[in-house]
Amino acid sequence: MAVSRAAGSLAVEGRLLRALAGLRLVVLLNAWGVGLWTLDGAERPAGVIACLVLMTAWTGVATWGYASPARRGPVLLGVDLAVALGVLLAGPWAKGPDFVATVPGFWIMAVLFAWAIHLRTAGGLVAGVVLAGVDLALRPDVTLTVYGNAFLLVVGGPVVGYLTGSLQQMADERDRAERSAATAAERARLARAVHDGTLQVLALVQRRAGELGPHAADLGRLAGEQERGLRRLIRAQDAVAAGAPPGADGAQGPYGPDGAVLAPGEPVDVAALLASLGARPGVEVVLPGGSVPAPPVTAHELVAAVVACLDNVARHVGDDARAWVLLEDLGAEVAVSVRDEGPGIPEGRLDDAAAQGRLGVRESVCGRVADLGGTATLDTGRHGTTWRLAVPREHP
């Protein structure tokens, strides 16, 4: 019976159970009043008082138990129902076979509602059927009033459970909407920061690179490519914040190498994308005999992770360092291995880089692969460094 709850659902459940604690006290006082009023006609008055004392003690325990989400489990619910059934069954013994009102009376409503609130419709139905069935079985004669009370138990439990589930669903949807709005606002803020800082610097580097001579031409070209890529990302995030659907006005990707927006269902050849990396100095790309199609997001994000690995090789091993890229088509998965013959990554180096705010490996490599539902495995040492990136062909 253990049920997991989101934060919004737990908040709704907590508020309802706090209200139920107040109801428990009211129906307990009513049970004491009716019990004392009819005490003279009971065969065993001490038995009636004992039942009322038990109900009072359990009301306190139940109020404490349901106050904490950690304690709202099958044990508490089971004991709650068992106590209610116990005092119901004690009615004929304490009051006599010709009793009219049960000892607990309306007090069993609290048990019914607790099951309905925590286990929703199914819980309310189970508790209602059990309580109503036991009550009817104890009666020597089932009058119209007795039948009506039993019917309300059977119907009321599922109704309260359904309403509880609806309130929890609305709370969860509200939480998701608030998170989406906060995410969109943060995206817009980051886009402004990138536009005011990084894009301006890249544009300046692109314009001034020609003045530094032919050796800076590649620097200017790379700066221009990065500026265009960042501007596309900003347009995409603006569209997300505005609620535009994917691909609207060419604002959202994924984007091909030429900056064109790709259709969401149009497959992309991963092998063709990786083949272009062979133009890098010292990089050798090994591809299977045929094409390796994959959804656009999967293909371009996987290749971007490979590019990040090669950039790390050039940065940390040297511009003339050799690297090998191997693509494997595994059917349900696409795997790429990137290997170099450098000195390896010292132990703790990646954690230190992340602590200093340099998240190239964690985000550009591991983050991209994780977002695709894949795995990134690192093997490093004196023999060199090998990254194995494996992603499902269909993005989950």
Protein backbone atom coordinates (compact mmCIF):
# COMPACT_ATOMS: atom_id res chain seq x y z
CA MET A 1 0.00 0.00 0.00
CA ALA A 2 3.00 2.30 0.05
CA VAL A 3 2.33 5.23 -2.25
CA SER A 4 4.90 7.77 -3.42
CA ARG A 5 3.80 11.38 -3.57
CA ALA A 6 5.15 14.48 -5.24
CA ALA A 7 5.61 17.63 -3.18
CA GLY A 8 2.26 19.10 -4.26
CA SER A 9 0.41 15.86 -3.53
CA LEU A 10 2.00 15.59 -0.10
CA ALA A 11 0.98 19.16 0.73
CA VAL A 12 -2.65 18.47 -0.22
CA GLU A 13 -2.68 15.19 1.71
CA GLY A 14 -1.16 16.87 4.76
CA ARG A 15 -3.77 19.64 4.83
CA LEU A 16 -6.64 17.18 4.44
CA LEU A 17 -5.32 14.96 7.22
CA ARG A 18 -4.91 17.96 9.51
CA ALA A 19 -8.58 18.78 8.88
CA LEU A 20 -9.39 15.12 9.52
CA ALA A 21 -7.69 15.39 12.93
CA GLY A 22 -10.24 18.02 13.88
CA LEU A 23 -13.06 15.83 12.58
CA ARG A 24 -11.77 12.91 14.67
CA LEU A 25 -12.10 14.99 17.81
CA VAL A 26 -15.64 16.13 16.95
CA VAL A 27 -16.97 12.63 16.21
CA LEU A 28 -15.17 11.30 19.32
CA LEU A 29 -17.01 13.81 21.50
CA ASN A 30 -20.24 12.82 19.78
CA ALA A 31 -19.54 9.14 20.51
CA TRP A 32 -18.95 9.93 24.20
CA GLY A 33 -22.19 11.90 24.36
CA VAL A 34 -24.30 9.18 22.73
CA GLY A 35 -22.55 6.45 24.76
CA LEU A 36 -23.21 8.13 28.10
CA TRP A 37 -26.76 9.01 27.08
CA THR A 38 -27.60 5.37 26.29
CA LEU A 39 -25.42 3.85 29.03
CA ASP A 40 -28.37 2.87 31.22
CA GLY A 41 -29.77 0.58 28.56
CA ALA A 42 -26.47 -1.26 27.95
CA GLU A 43 -25.98 -4.80 29.25
CA ARG A 44 -22.32 -4.09 30.07
CA PRO A 45 -21.81 -0.37 30.77
CA ALA A 46 -18.16 -0.98 31.65
CA GLY A 47 -17.64 -2.47 28.19
CA VAL A 48 -19.08 0.67 26.57
CA ILE A 49 -16.79 2.89 28.65
CA ALA A 50 -13.78 0.68 27.78
CA CYS A 51 -14.53 1.06 24.06
CA LEU A 52 -14.82 4.83 24.40
CA VAL A 53 -11.52 5.00 26.28
CA LEU A 54 -9.84 2.92 23.56
CA MET A 55 -11.28 5.23 20.90
CA THR A 56 -9.98 8.26 22.78
CA ALA A 57 -6.48 6.83 23.10
CA TRP A 58 -6.38 5.79 19.46
CA THR A 59 -7.62 9.21 18.34
CA GLY A 60 -4.53 10.73 19.92
CA VAL A 61 -2.20 8.11 18.40
CA ALA A 62 -3.78 8.43 14.95
CA THR A 63 -3.58 12.22 15.01
CA TRP A 64 0.13 11.98 15.81
CA GLY A 65 0.73 9.24 13.25
CA TYR A 66 -0.95 10.89 10.28
CA ALA A 67 0.85 14.18 10.97
CA SER A 68 4.09 12.84 9.44
CA PRO A 69 4.34 11.55 5.83
CA ALA A 70 6.91 8.97 6.98
CA ARG A 71 4.37 7.35 9.33
CA ARG A 72 1.52 7.20 6.81
CA GLY A 73 2.07 3.63 5.78
CA PRO A 74 0.28 0.28 5.70
CA VAL A 75 0.85 -0.34 9.43
CA LEU A 76 -0.90 2.85 10.54
CA LEU A 77 -3.75 2.40 8.07
CA GLY A 78 -4.20 -1.25 9.03
CA VAL A 79 -4.26 -0.60 12.76
CA ASP A 80 -6.62 2.34 12.24
CA LEU A 81 -9.10 0.10 10.44
CA ALA A 82 -8.61 -2.74 12.94
CA VAL A 83 -9.44 -0.49 15.91
CA ALA A 84 -12.62 0.70 14.17
CA LEU A 85 -13.66 -2.87 13.41
CA GLY A 86 -12.87 -3.91 16.98
CA VAL A 87 -15.14 -1.35 18.59
CA LEU A 88 -17.84 -2.15 16.01
CA LEU A 89 -17.68 -5.84 16.86
CA ALA A 90 -17.77 -5.06 20.60
CA GLY A 91 -21.15 -3.31 20.21
CA PRO A 92 -23.44 -6.33 20.54
CA TRP A 93 -21.43 -7.61 23.53
CA ALA A 94 -21.40 -4.27 25.36
CA LYS A 95 -24.90 -2.99 24.50
CA GLY A 96 -26.74 -6.22 24.01
CA PRO A 97 -28.11 -8.00 20.94
CA ASP A 98 -30.94 -5.49 20.50
CA PHE A 99 -28.69 -2.44 20.24
CA VAL A 100 -29.73 0.40 17.92
CA ALA A 101 -26.64 2.62 17.73
CA THR A 102 -23.14 1.15 17.56
CA VAL A 103 -20.57 2.16 20.17
CA PRO A 104 -18.33 4.16 17.77
CA GLY A 105 -21.18 5.67 15.76
CA PHE A 106 -19.92 8.35 13.37
CA TRP A 107 -16.37 7.90 14.72
CA ILE A 108 -15.65 5.34 11.99
CA MET A 109 -15.93 8.19 9.43
CA ALA A 110 -12.40 9.25 10.36
CA VAL A 111 -10.99 5.83 9.44
CA LEU A 112 -12.88 5.82 6.14
CA PHE A 113 -11.62 9.28 5.20
CA ALA A 114 -8.03 8.46 6.21
CA TRP A 115 -7.99 5.53 3.81
CA ALA A 116 -9.60 7.63 1.07
CA ILE A 117 -7.18 10.53 1.50
CA HIS A 118 -4.03 8.40 1.46
CA LEU A 119 -5.08 5.65 -0.98
CA ARG A 120 -7.57 7.69 -3.00
CA THR A 121 -10.56 6.05 -4.68
CA ALA A 122 -9.48 2.43 -4.21
CA GLY A 123 -8.68 2.94 -0.54
CA GLY A 124 -11.96 4.66 0.15
CA LEU A 125 -13.88 1.87 -1.57
CA VAL A 126 -12.09 -0.90 0.35
CA ALA A 127 -12.56 0.77 3.74
CA GLY A 128 -16.19 1.62 2.98
CA VAL A 129 -17.08 -1.92 1.92
CA VAL A 130 -15.35 -3.48 4.96
CA LEU A 131 -16.91 -1.12 7.50
CA ALA A 132 -20.37 -1.30 5.95
CA GLY A 133 -20.19 -5.08 5.62
CA VAL A 134 -19.26 -5.60 9.27
CA ASP A 135 -21.95 -3.19 10.45
CA LEU A 136 -24.65 -4.95 8.42
CA ALA A 137 -23.48 -8.39 9.56
CA LEU A 138 -23.87 -7.41 13.23
CA ARG A 139 -27.46 -6.22 12.88
CA PRO A 140 -30.27 -8.60 13.82
CA ASP A 141 -32.56 -6.52 11.60
CA VAL A 142 -31.44 -4.31 8.70
CA THR A 143 -33.71 -1.28 8.70
CA LEU A 144 -33.88 1.38 6.04
CA THR A 145 -31.80 3.70 8.26
CA VAL A 146 -29.11 1.06 8.75
CA TYR A 147 -29.01 0.39 5.01
CA GLY A 148 -28.73 4.13 4.29
CA ASN A 149 -25.77 4.48 6.64
CA ALA A 150 -24.00 1.53 5.03
CA PHE A 151 -24.68 2.91 1.56
CA LEU A 152 -23.15 6.27 2.53
CA LEU A 153 -20.01 4.48 3.74
CA VAL A 154 -19.60 2.59 0.46
CA VAL A 155 -20.25 5.65 -1.69
CA GLY A 156 -18.60 8.31 0.45
CA GLY A 157 -15.17 6.66 0.60
CA PRO A 158 -14.58 6.56 -3.18
CA VAL A 159 -15.98 10.08 -3.60
CA VAL A 160 -13.58 11.52 -1.03
CA GLY A 161 -10.73 9.50 -2.57
CA TYR A 162 -11.52 10.79 -6.07
CA LEU A 163 -11.70 14.39 -4.90
CA THR A 164 -8.41 13.98 -3.06
CA GLY A 165 -6.73 12.62 -6.18
CA SER A 166 -8.09 15.50 -8.25
CA LEU A 167 -6.76 18.08 -5.79
CA GLN A 168 -3.35 16.39 -5.76
CA GLN A 169 -3.23 16.29 -9.55
CA MET A 170 -4.02 20.01 -9.74
CA ALA A 171 -1.32 20.75 -7.16
CA ASP A 172 1.26 18.77 -9.14
CA GLU A 173 0.27 20.52 -12.37
CA ARG A 174 0.60 23.90 -10.63
CA ASP A 175 4.08 22.97 -9.39
CA ARG A 176 5.15 21.91 -12.88
CA ALA A 177 3.82 25.15 -14.36
CA GLU A 178 5.70 27.20 -11.77
CA ARG A 179 8.93 25.30 -12.48
CA SER A 180 8.47 25.80 -16.22
CA ALA A 181 7.91 29.53 -15.74
CA ALA A 182 11.00 29.81 -13.53
CA THR A 183 13.05 27.87 -16.10
CA ALA A 184 11.88 30.12 -18.93
CA ALA A 185 12.74 33.24 -16.91
CA GLU A 186 16.20 31.89 -16.15
CA ARG A 187 16.75 31.06 -19.81
CA ALA A 188 15.80 34.60 -20.78
CA ARG A 189 18.17 36.03 -18.15
CA LEU A 190 21.06 33.88 -19.37
CA ALA A 191 20.30 34.83 -22.98
CA ARG A 192 20.57 38.52 -22.07
CA ALA A 193 23.83 37.91 -20.23
CA VAL A 194 25.28 36.01 -23.20
CA HIS A 195 24.13 38.69 -25.62
CA ASP A 196 25.60 41.53 -23.57
CA GLY A 197 28.94 39.81 -22.95
CA THR A 198 30.01 36.73 -24.87
CA LEU A 199 28.41 37.63 -28.23
CA GLN A 200 29.94 41.10 -28.21
CA VAL A 201 33.40 39.68 -27.54
CA LEU A 202 33.06 37.04 -30.28
CA ALA A 203 31.93 39.66 -32.78
CA LEU A 204 34.89 41.86 -31.86
CA VAL A 205 37.33 38.93 -32.29
CA GLN A 206 35.84 38.12 -35.67
CA ARG A 207 36.20 41.72 -36.89
CA ARG A 208 39.72 42.26 -35.54
CA ALA A 209 41.19 38.85 -36.45
CA GLY A 210 42.03 40.03 -39.97
CA GLU A 211 44.12 42.89 -38.56
CA LEU A 212 46.35 40.41 -36.69
CA GLY A 213 47.58 38.69 -39.83
CA PRO A 214 46.92 35.38 -41.60
CA HIS A 215 47.67 33.31 -38.49
CA ALA A 216 44.57 34.73 -36.81
CA ALA A 217 42.23 33.88 -39.69
CA ASP A 218 41.20 30.56 -38.13
CA LEU A 219 40.57 32.33 -34.84
CA GLY A 220 38.24 34.79 -36.56
CA ARG A 221 36.42 32.00 -38.40
CA LEU A 222 35.89 30.02 -35.19
CA ALA A 223 34.68 33.13 -33.37
CA GLY A 224 32.17 33.76 -36.13
CA GLU A 225 30.88 30.19 -35.99
CA GLN A 226 30.46 30.35 -32.22
CA GLU A 227 28.67 33.70 -32.45
CA ARG A 228 26.17 32.33 -34.96
CA GLY A 229 25.61 29.21 -32.84
CA LEU A 230 24.96 31.25 -29.71
CA ARG A 231 22.55 33.53 -31.53
CA ARG A 232 20.59 30.48 -32.72
CA LEU A 233 20.42 29.20 -29.16
CA ILE A 234 19.16 32.58 -27.93
CA ARG A 235 16.43 32.59 -30.57
CA ALA A 236 15.46 29.08 -29.53
CA GLN A 237 15.26 30.02 -25.85
CA ASP A 238 13.22 33.13 -26.67
CA ALA A 239 10.75 30.88 -28.49
CA VAL A 240 10.61 28.49 -25.52
CA ALA A 241 9.88 31.40 -23.16
CA ALA A 242 7.14 32.62 -25.51
CA GLY A 243 5.59 29.15 -25.74
CA ALA A 244 6.26 28.65 -29.44
CA PRO A 245 6.11 25.07 -30.73
CA PRO A 246 9.33 23.38 -31.91
CA GLY A 247 10.43 24.69 -35.27
CA ALA A 248 8.20 27.77 -35.20
CA ASP A 249 9.70 30.61 -37.22
CA GLY A 250 12.93 28.67 -37.47
CA ALA A 251 13.59 29.52 -33.85
CA GLN A 252 14.12 26.08 -32.38
CA GLY A 253 16.43 23.28 -33.51
CA PRO A 254 17.96 20.99 -33.86
CA TYR A 255 20.23 22.77 -36.34
CA GLY A 256 22.36 21.24 -39.04
CA PRO A 257 25.98 22.18 -39.74
CA ASP A 258 24.82 24.97 -42.06
CA GLY A 259 22.48 26.45 -39.44
CA ALA A 260 19.28 25.17 -41.08
CA VAL A 261 16.48 23.93 -38.87
CA LEU A 262 15.99 20.18 -39.21
CA ALA A 263 12.58 18.56 -39.22
CA PRO A 264 11.98 16.66 -35.97
CA GLY A 265 11.46 13.32 -37.73
CA GLU A 266 14.13 13.66 -40.43
CA PRO A 267 16.95 11.16 -39.71
CA VAL A 268 20.55 12.33 -39.76
CA ASP A 269 23.57 10.21 -40.74
CA VAL A 270 25.89 10.17 -37.74
CA ALA A 271 28.67 8.72 -39.90
CA ALA A 272 28.52 11.66 -42.31
CA LEU A 273 28.72 14.16 -39.44
CA LEU A 274 31.70 12.41 -37.87
CA ALA A 275 33.49 12.07 -41.22
CA SER A 276 33.97 15.84 -41.32
CA LEU A 277 36.03 15.64 -38.12
CA GLY A 278 38.72 13.79 -40.06
CA ALA A 279 39.80 17.15 -41.49
CA ARG A 280 41.19 18.09 -38.07
CA PRO A 281 44.95 17.72 -37.78
CA GLY A 282 45.93 14.40 -36.21
CA VAL A 283 42.35 13.05 -36.07
CA GLU A 284 41.54 9.71 -37.70
CA VAL A 285 37.89 8.70 -38.02
CA VAL A 286 36.90 5.04 -38.46
CA LEU A 287 33.35 4.51 -39.74
CA PRO A 288 31.18 1.48 -40.56
CA GLY A 289 30.50 0.59 -44.17
CA GLY A 290 27.03 2.13 -44.39
CA SER A 291 25.15 5.06 -42.97
CA VAL A 292 24.17 5.28 -39.30
CA PRO A 293 20.84 7.17 -39.18
CA ALA A 294 19.57 8.65 -35.95
CA PRO A 295 17.08 11.33 -34.90
CA PRO A 296 18.45 14.87 -35.36
CA VAL A 297 18.78 15.65 -31.66
CA THR A 298 20.57 12.36 -30.96
CA ALA A 299 22.93 12.72 -33.93
CA HIS A 300 23.98 16.33 -33.39
CA GLU A 301 24.28 16.12 -29.61
CA LEU A 302 26.39 12.96 -29.88
CA VAL A 303 28.70 14.57 -32.44
CA ALA A 304 28.91 17.70 -30.25
CA ALA A 305 30.07 15.52 -27.35
CA VAL A 306 32.73 13.96 -29.61
CA VAL A 307 33.89 17.43 -30.66
CA ALA A 308 34.20 18.38 -26.99
CA CYS A 309 36.39 15.32 -26.42
CA LEU A 310 38.63 16.26 -29.36
CA ASP A 311 38.85 19.86 -28.14
CA ASN A 312 40.07 18.57 -24.79
CA VAL A 313 42.72 16.48 -26.57
CA ALA A 314 43.98 19.54 -28.46
CA ARG A 315 43.90 21.69 -25.33
CA HIS A 316 45.54 19.33 -22.86
CA VAL A 317 47.69 17.03 -25.03
CA GLY A 318 48.66 19.41 -27.81
CA ASP A 319 47.48 20.76 -31.17
CA ASP A 320 49.44 18.06 -33.01
CA ALA A 321 48.27 15.22 -30.76
CA ARG A 322 46.84 12.17 -32.50
CA ALA A 323 43.28 11.04 -31.77
CA TRP A 324 41.09 8.25 -33.08
CA VAL A 325 37.30 8.29 -33.42
CA LEU A 326 35.49 4.97 -33.86
CA LEU A 327 31.76 4.81 -34.67
CA GLU A 328 29.79 1.62 -34.00
CA ASP A 329 26.22 0.85 -35.06
CA LEU A 330 24.86 -1.50 -32.39
CA GLY A 331 21.28 -1.55 -33.59
CA ALA A 332 19.36 -0.11 -30.67
CA GLU A 333 22.39 1.99 -29.69
CA VAL A 334 24.97 4.17 -31.39
CA ALA A 335 28.42 4.15 -29.76
CA VAL A 336 31.44 6.37 -30.40
CA SER A 337 34.90 5.89 -28.91
CA VAL A 338 37.42 8.75 -28.78
CA ARG A 339 41.00 7.75 -27.93
CA ASP A 340 44.26 9.64 -27.59
CA GLU A 341 47.81 8.73 -26.53
CA GLY A 342 48.31 11.52 -24.05
CA PRO A 343 49.50 11.23 -20.45
CA GLY A 344 45.95 10.62 -19.14
CA ILE A 345 43.80 12.64 -16.77
CA PRO A 346 45.21 12.88 -13.21
CA GLU A 347 42.97 11.50 -10.49
CA GLY A 348 40.64 14.16 -9.11
CA ARG A 349 41.33 16.55 -12.01
CA LEU A 350 37.74 16.52 -13.29
CA ASP A 351 36.30 17.12 -9.81
CA ASP A 352 38.70 20.03 -9.27
CA ALA A 353 37.73 21.53 -12.64
CA ALA A 354 34.03 21.27 -11.80
CA ALA A 355 34.61 22.90 -8.41
CA GLN A 356 36.32 25.81 -10.18
CA GLY A 357 33.37 26.28 -12.52
CA ARG A 358 34.99 24.63 -15.58
CA LEU A 359 32.28 22.17 -16.60
CA GLY A 360 33.47 21.19 -20.07
CA VAL A 361 33.64 17.46 -19.42
CA ARG A 362 30.71 17.28 -17.02
CA GLU A 363 28.32 19.26 -19.24
CA SER A 364 29.65 19.17 -22.81
CA VAL A 365 30.40 15.44 -22.72
CA CYS A 366 28.66 13.67 -19.83
CA GLY A 367 25.71 16.07 -19.67
CA ARG A 368 24.91 15.77 -23.37
CA VAL A 369 25.07 11.97 -23.31
CA ALA A 370 23.00 11.74 -20.13
CA ASP A 371 20.29 13.98 -21.64
CA LEU A 372 20.07 11.49 -24.51
CA GLY A 373 19.58 8.63 -22.04
CA GLY A 374 23.04 7.19 -22.71
CA THR A 375 26.28 6.54 -20.84
CA ALA A 376 29.73 8.11 -20.99
CA THR A 377 32.58 5.85 -19.81
CA LEU A 378 36.10 7.15 -19.19
CA ASP A 379 39.25 5.01 -19.24
CA THR A 380 42.40 7.04 -18.54
CA GLY A 381 45.97 6.38 -17.49
CA ARG A 382 49.54 6.46 -18.80
CA HIS A 383 48.38 4.62 -21.89
CA GLY A 384 46.16 7.60 -22.80
CA THR A 385 42.49 8.47 -22.50
CA THR A 386 39.49 6.77 -24.07
CA TRP A 387 35.91 8.04 -23.94
CA ARG A 388 33.14 5.63 -24.92
CA LEU A 389 29.84 7.37 -25.58
CA ALA A 390 26.80 5.12 -26.08
CA VAL A 391 23.29 6.50 -26.65
CA PRO A 392 19.99 4.86 -27.61
CA ARG A 393 19.08 5.40 -31.24
CA GLU A 394 15.67 6.71 -30.23
CA HIS A 395 15.79 9.53 -27.68
CA PRO A 396 13.65 8.47 -24.66
